[in-house]
Amino acid sequence: MGHSTVESGEGGRTSSEMAGHVERATVTAWEPGKRFAYATDAGPDGAVMAIGNSAAGRDPRGVPGTVQLVGGQMPPHPVSRACR
């Protein structure tokens, strides 16, 4: 469906390609097994997409207890406001 690469560590670069479109970003948080976040390079309109996820806690079988995914676009784009 697509191809992604991630350079490990905070400040590493990511690249995701799907259907001919390439999105590049910078890793902003890197704690393997706990937290990962990145922010895309600014688009032509200055918008940046920030995505982060974290996992915390495990049950006695080792199954993760909580996984959180957070995303946002800065500054808000007029189209995204119209789709709410």
Protein backbone atom coordinates (compact mmCIF):
# COMPACT_ATOMS: atom_id res chain seq x y z
CA MET A 1 0.00 0.00 0.00
CA GLY A 2 2.87 2.39 0.76
CA HIS A 3 6.39 2.59 2.11
CA SER A 4 7.73 4.36 5.21
CA THR A 5 11.19 4.83 6.69
CA VAL A 6 12.18 6.17 10.11
CA GLU A 7 15.64 7.25 11.27
CA SER A 8 15.85 6.34 14.95
CA GLY A 9 16.20 8.97 17.65
CA GLU A 10 14.82 12.41 18.36
CA GLY A 11 15.63 14.64 15.39
CA GLY A 12 15.61 11.64 13.01
CA ARG A 13 13.79 11.99 9.72
CA THR A 14 10.77 10.03 8.49
CA SER A 15 9.46 9.55 4.99
CA SER A 16 6.14 8.02 3.97
CA GLU A 17 5.13 7.38 0.37
CA MET A 18 1.64 6.42 -0.76
CA ALA A 19 0.06 6.72 -4.21
CA GLY A 20 2.91 8.90 -5.45
CA HIS A 21 2.68 11.39 -2.56
CA VAL A 22 5.68 11.68 -0.21
CA GLU A 23 5.33 13.12 3.32
CA ARG A 24 8.50 13.99 5.23
CA ALA A 25 8.73 14.69 8.95
CA THR A 26 11.07 15.05 11.92
CA VAL A 27 10.94 12.77 14.97
CA THR A 28 10.09 14.93 18.02
CA ALA A 29 9.89 12.20 20.70
CA TRP A 30 11.68 8.84 20.81
CA GLU A 31 11.29 6.45 23.74
CA PRO A 32 11.18 2.92 22.24
CA GLY A 33 8.25 0.91 23.62
CA LYS A 34 6.82 3.98 25.34
CA ARG A 35 6.48 7.04 23.12
CA PHE A 36 6.94 8.15 19.50
CA ALA A 37 5.98 11.48 17.92
CA TYR A 38 6.77 13.40 14.76
CA ALA A 39 5.87 16.65 12.99
CA THR A 40 5.68 17.00 9.22
CA ASP A 41 7.60 19.58 7.27
CA ALA A 42 5.54 22.71 6.68
CA GLY A 43 3.33 22.61 3.60
CA PRO A 44 2.99 25.44 1.05
CA ASP A 45 0.39 27.08 3.30
CA GLY A 46 2.61 26.76 6.39
CA ALA A 47 0.48 23.99 7.93
CA VAL A 48 2.27 21.33 10.00
CA MET A 49 0.81 17.97 11.02
CA ALA A 50 1.91 16.63 14.42
CA ILE A 51 1.30 12.98 15.36
CA GLY A 52 2.21 11.24 18.60
CA ASN A 53 1.48 7.98 20.34
CA SER A 54 2.32 6.51 23.72
CA ALA A 55 1.85 3.19 25.51
CA ALA A 56 1.74 2.76 29.28
CA GLY A 57 1.19 -0.07 31.73
CA ARG A 58 0.94 -3.81 31.18
CA ASP A 59 -1.33 -6.46 32.61
CA PRO A 60 0.15 -9.62 34.21
CA ARG A 61 0.31 -11.29 30.76
CA GLY A 62 2.39 -8.42 29.38
CA VAL A 63 -0.44 -6.96 27.29
CA PRO A 64 -0.22 -3.14 27.01
CA GLY A 65 -2.82 -1.40 29.14
CA THR A 66 -3.12 1.94 27.35
CA VAL A 67 -2.24 3.15 23.88
CA GLN A 68 -2.89 6.79 22.97
CA LEU A 69 -2.72 8.36 19.50
CA VAL A 70 -2.91 12.14 19.17
CA GLY A 71 -2.80 14.20 15.98
CA GLY A 72 -3.39 17.77 14.95
CA GLN A 73 -2.82 20.32 12.22
CA MET A 74 -1.26 23.69 12.96
CA PRO A 75 -2.39 26.25 11.92
CA PRO A 76 -5.96 24.98 11.34
CA HIS A 77 -6.71 24.77 7.65
CA PRO A 78 -10.01 26.31 6.37
CA VAL A 79 -10.96 23.00 4.70
CA SER A 80 -10.56 21.07 7.98
CA ARG A 81 -12.87 23.56 9.72
CA ALA A 82 -15.49 23.13 7.00
CA CYS A 83 -15.48 19.32 7.40
CA ARG A 84 -16.41 19.32 11.11
